Amino acid sequence: MLKPDDCRKLAEQYRARANDATSAKRLANVLLSVSNAYLALASQLELLASVEHQEHARRAGRNVQG
């Protein structure tokens, strides 16, 4: 399973390819879109981990925030 840091590294790679002078404009746009999708996925995975942690704590009888 991908971790947030993995997603960010992939996003960097796609963004670098998009910024390569040899990439056609259409290809660069798609690469940037994929890069942004990986960044969004990283954020969602972090949110999921936080919510799962809070839910686990709640079930254990603790009140954890953040």
N, C-alpha and C. Protein backbone atom coordinates (compact mmCIF):
# COMPACT_ATOMS: atom_id res chain seq x y z
N MET A 1 0.84 -1.18 0.00
CA MET A 1 0.00 0.00 0.00
C MET A 1 0.89 1.25 0.00
N LEU A 2 0.50 2.21 -0.77
CA LEU A 2 1.24 3.48 -0.83
C LEU A 2 1.11 4.25 0.47
N LYS A 3 2.17 4.90 0.84
CA LYS A 3 2.17 5.78 2.01
C LYS A 3 2.21 7.22 1.49
N PRO A 4 1.81 8.19 2.33
CA PRO A 4 1.81 9.59 1.89
C PRO A 4 3.14 10.05 1.30
N ASP A 5 4.24 9.64 1.92
CA ASP A 5 5.56 10.05 1.39
C ASP A 5 5.81 9.45 0.01
N ASP A 6 5.35 8.22 -0.21
CA ASP A 6 5.49 7.60 -1.53
C ASP A 6 4.73 8.41 -2.57
N CYS A 7 3.53 8.84 -2.21
CA CYS A 7 2.71 9.63 -3.13
C CYS A 7 3.38 10.95 -3.46
N ARG A 8 3.99 11.58 -2.46
CA ARG A 8 4.67 12.85 -2.69
C ARG A 8 5.88 12.68 -3.61
N LYS A 9 6.60 11.58 -3.43
CA LYS A 9 7.75 11.31 -4.31
C LYS A 9 7.29 11.09 -5.75
N LEU A 10 6.22 10.34 -5.91
CA LEU A 10 5.68 10.12 -7.26
C LEU A 10 5.22 11.44 -7.86
N ALA A 11 4.57 12.27 -7.04
CA ALA A 11 4.11 13.58 -7.52
C ALA A 11 5.29 14.41 -8.01
N GLU A 12 6.39 14.38 -7.25
CA GLU A 12 7.60 15.12 -7.65
C GLU A 12 8.12 14.63 -8.99
N GLN A 13 8.13 13.32 -9.17
CA GLN A 13 8.63 12.74 -10.41
C GLN A 13 7.77 13.16 -11.60
N TYR A 14 6.45 13.11 -11.43
CA TYR A 14 5.56 13.51 -12.53
C TYR A 14 5.69 15.00 -12.82
N ARG A 15 5.84 15.80 -11.76
CA ARG A 15 5.99 17.25 -11.96
C ARG A 15 7.31 17.55 -12.68
N ALA A 16 8.36 16.84 -12.32
CA ALA A 16 9.65 17.03 -13.00
C ALA A 16 9.54 16.68 -14.48
N ARG A 17 8.85 15.60 -14.78
CA ARG A 17 8.66 15.24 -16.19
C ARG A 17 7.85 16.31 -16.90
N ALA A 18 6.85 16.85 -16.23
CA ALA A 18 6.02 17.89 -16.85
C ALA A 18 6.83 19.15 -17.13
N ASN A 19 7.78 19.44 -16.27
CA ASN A 19 8.60 20.65 -16.43
C ASN A 19 9.79 20.45 -17.35
N ASP A 20 9.98 19.23 -17.81
CA ASP A 20 11.05 18.93 -18.77
C ASP A 20 10.75 19.66 -20.07
N ALA A 21 11.73 20.34 -20.58
CA ALA A 21 11.54 21.15 -21.79
C ALA A 21 11.13 20.32 -23.00
N THR A 22 11.39 19.02 -22.95
CA THR A 22 11.06 18.18 -24.11
C THR A 22 9.62 17.68 -24.09
N SER A 23 8.90 17.89 -22.98
CA SER A 23 7.51 17.43 -22.89
C SER A 23 6.59 18.35 -23.68
N ALA A 24 5.75 17.75 -24.51
CA ALA A 24 4.75 18.53 -25.25
C ALA A 24 3.76 19.12 -24.25
N LYS A 25 3.12 20.21 -24.62
CA LYS A 25 2.20 20.91 -23.71
C LYS A 25 1.08 19.99 -23.21
N ARG A 26 0.49 19.23 -24.11
CA ARG A 26 -0.61 18.33 -23.71
C ARG A 26 -0.11 17.29 -22.71
N LEU A 27 1.04 16.70 -23.01
CA LEU A 27 1.62 15.71 -22.11
C LEU A 27 1.95 16.36 -20.76
N ALA A 28 2.52 17.55 -20.78
CA ALA A 28 2.86 18.25 -19.54
C ALA A 28 1.62 18.49 -18.69
N ASN A 29 0.51 18.86 -19.32
CA ASN A 29 -0.73 19.08 -18.58
C ASN A 29 -1.23 17.80 -17.91
N VAL A 30 -1.15 16.69 -18.63
CA VAL A 30 -1.58 15.42 -18.05
C VAL A 30 -0.65 15.01 -16.90
N LEU A 31 0.64 15.19 -17.10
CA LEU A 31 1.60 14.86 -16.04
C LEU A 31 1.37 15.71 -14.79
N LEU A 32 1.07 16.99 -14.97
CA LEU A 32 0.76 17.85 -13.82
C LEU A 32 -0.52 17.41 -13.13
N SER A 33 -1.48 16.98 -13.91
CA SER A 33 -2.74 16.49 -13.33
C SER A 33 -2.49 15.24 -12.49
N VAL A 34 -1.68 14.34 -13.01
CA VAL A 34 -1.34 13.13 -12.25
C VAL A 34 -0.57 13.50 -10.98
N SER A 35 0.35 14.44 -11.10
CA SER A 35 1.11 14.90 -9.95
C SER A 35 0.17 15.45 -8.87
N ASN A 36 -0.77 16.27 -9.27
CA ASN A 36 -1.73 16.84 -8.31
C ASN A 36 -2.60 15.76 -7.69
N ALA A 37 -2.95 14.74 -8.47
CA ALA A 37 -3.75 13.64 -7.93
C ALA A 37 -2.97 12.89 -6.85
N TYR A 38 -1.68 12.68 -7.07
CA TYR A 38 -0.86 12.01 -6.05
C TYR A 38 -0.74 12.87 -4.80
N LEU A 39 -0.64 14.18 -4.95
CA LEU A 39 -0.59 15.06 -3.78
C LEU A 39 -1.90 15.01 -3.01
N ALA A 40 -3.01 14.98 -3.73
CA ALA A 40 -4.32 14.87 -3.07
C ALA A 40 -4.44 13.53 -2.35
N LEU A 41 -3.96 12.47 -2.99
CA LEU A 41 -4.00 11.15 -2.35
C LEU A 41 -3.17 11.14 -1.08
N ALA A 42 -2.01 11.77 -1.10
CA ALA A 42 -1.17 11.85 0.10
C ALA A 42 -1.93 12.51 1.25
N SER A 43 -2.62 13.59 0.95
CA SER A 43 -3.41 14.29 1.98
C SER A 43 -4.53 13.41 2.50
N GLN A 44 -5.20 12.72 1.61
CA GLN A 44 -6.30 11.86 2.02
C GLN A 44 -5.80 10.69 2.87
N LEU A 45 -4.65 10.13 2.53
CA LEU A 45 -4.09 9.04 3.32
C LEU A 45 -3.70 9.52 4.71
N GLU A 46 -3.18 10.75 4.81
CA GLU A 46 -2.86 11.31 6.13
C GLU A 46 -4.13 11.53 6.95
N LEU A 47 -5.16 12.03 6.31
CA LEU A 47 -6.43 12.23 6.99
C LEU A 47 -6.99 10.90 7.46
N LEU A 48 -6.94 9.90 6.61
CA LEU A 48 -7.43 8.57 6.97
C LEU A 48 -6.69 8.03 8.17
N ALA A 49 -5.38 8.15 8.18
CA ALA A 49 -4.58 7.66 9.31
C ALA A 49 -4.96 8.38 10.60
N SER A 50 -5.19 9.68 10.51
CA SER A 50 -5.58 10.46 11.68
C SER A 50 -6.94 10.02 12.21
N VAL A 51 -7.89 9.85 11.31
CA VAL A 51 -9.24 9.44 11.72
C VAL A 51 -9.20 8.03 12.31
N GLU A 52 -8.43 7.14 11.68
CA GLU A 52 -8.32 5.78 12.22
C GLU A 52 -7.70 5.79 13.61
N HIS A 53 -6.69 6.64 13.81
CA HIS A 53 -6.06 6.76 15.12
C HIS A 53 -7.06 7.26 16.16
N GLN A 54 -7.82 8.28 15.80
CA GLN A 54 -8.83 8.82 16.71
C GLN A 54 -9.90 7.78 17.02
N GLU A 55 -10.32 7.04 16.01
CA GLU A 55 -11.35 6.02 16.22
C GLU A 55 -10.83 4.91 17.13
N HIS A 56 -9.59 4.52 16.92
CA HIS A 56 -8.99 3.48 17.76
C HIS A 56 -8.93 3.98 19.21
N ALA A 57 -8.51 5.23 19.39
CA ALA A 57 -8.43 5.80 20.73
C ALA A 57 -9.81 5.90 21.37
N ARG A 58 -10.80 6.28 20.58
CA ARG A 58 -12.16 6.38 21.11
C ARG A 58 -12.65 5.02 21.59
N ARG A 59 -12.38 4.01 20.79
CA ARG A 59 -12.82 2.66 21.16
C ARG A 59 -12.08 2.15 22.40
N ALA A 60 -10.88 2.64 22.59
CA ALA A 60 -10.10 2.24 23.76
C ALA A 60 -10.48 3.05 24.99
N GLY A 61 -11.42 3.98 24.83
CA GLY A 61 -11.90 4.75 25.96
C GLY A 61 -11.15 6.04 26.21
N ARG A 62 -10.33 6.42 25.25
CA ARG A 62 -9.60 7.67 25.39
C ARG A 62 -10.20 8.70 24.46
N ASN A 63 -10.00 9.95 24.78
CA ASN A 63 -10.45 11.04 23.92
C ASN A 63 -9.21 11.73 23.36
N VAL A 64 -8.86 11.40 22.11
CA VAL A 64 -7.67 11.97 21.47
C VAL A 64 -8.11 12.88 20.35
N GLN A 65 -7.51 14.05 20.28
CA GLN A 65 -7.81 14.99 19.19
C GLN A 65 -6.56 15.19 18.36
N GLY A 66 -6.78 15.45 17.03
CA GLY A 66 -5.66 15.78 16.16
C GLY A 66 -5.07 14.55 15.64
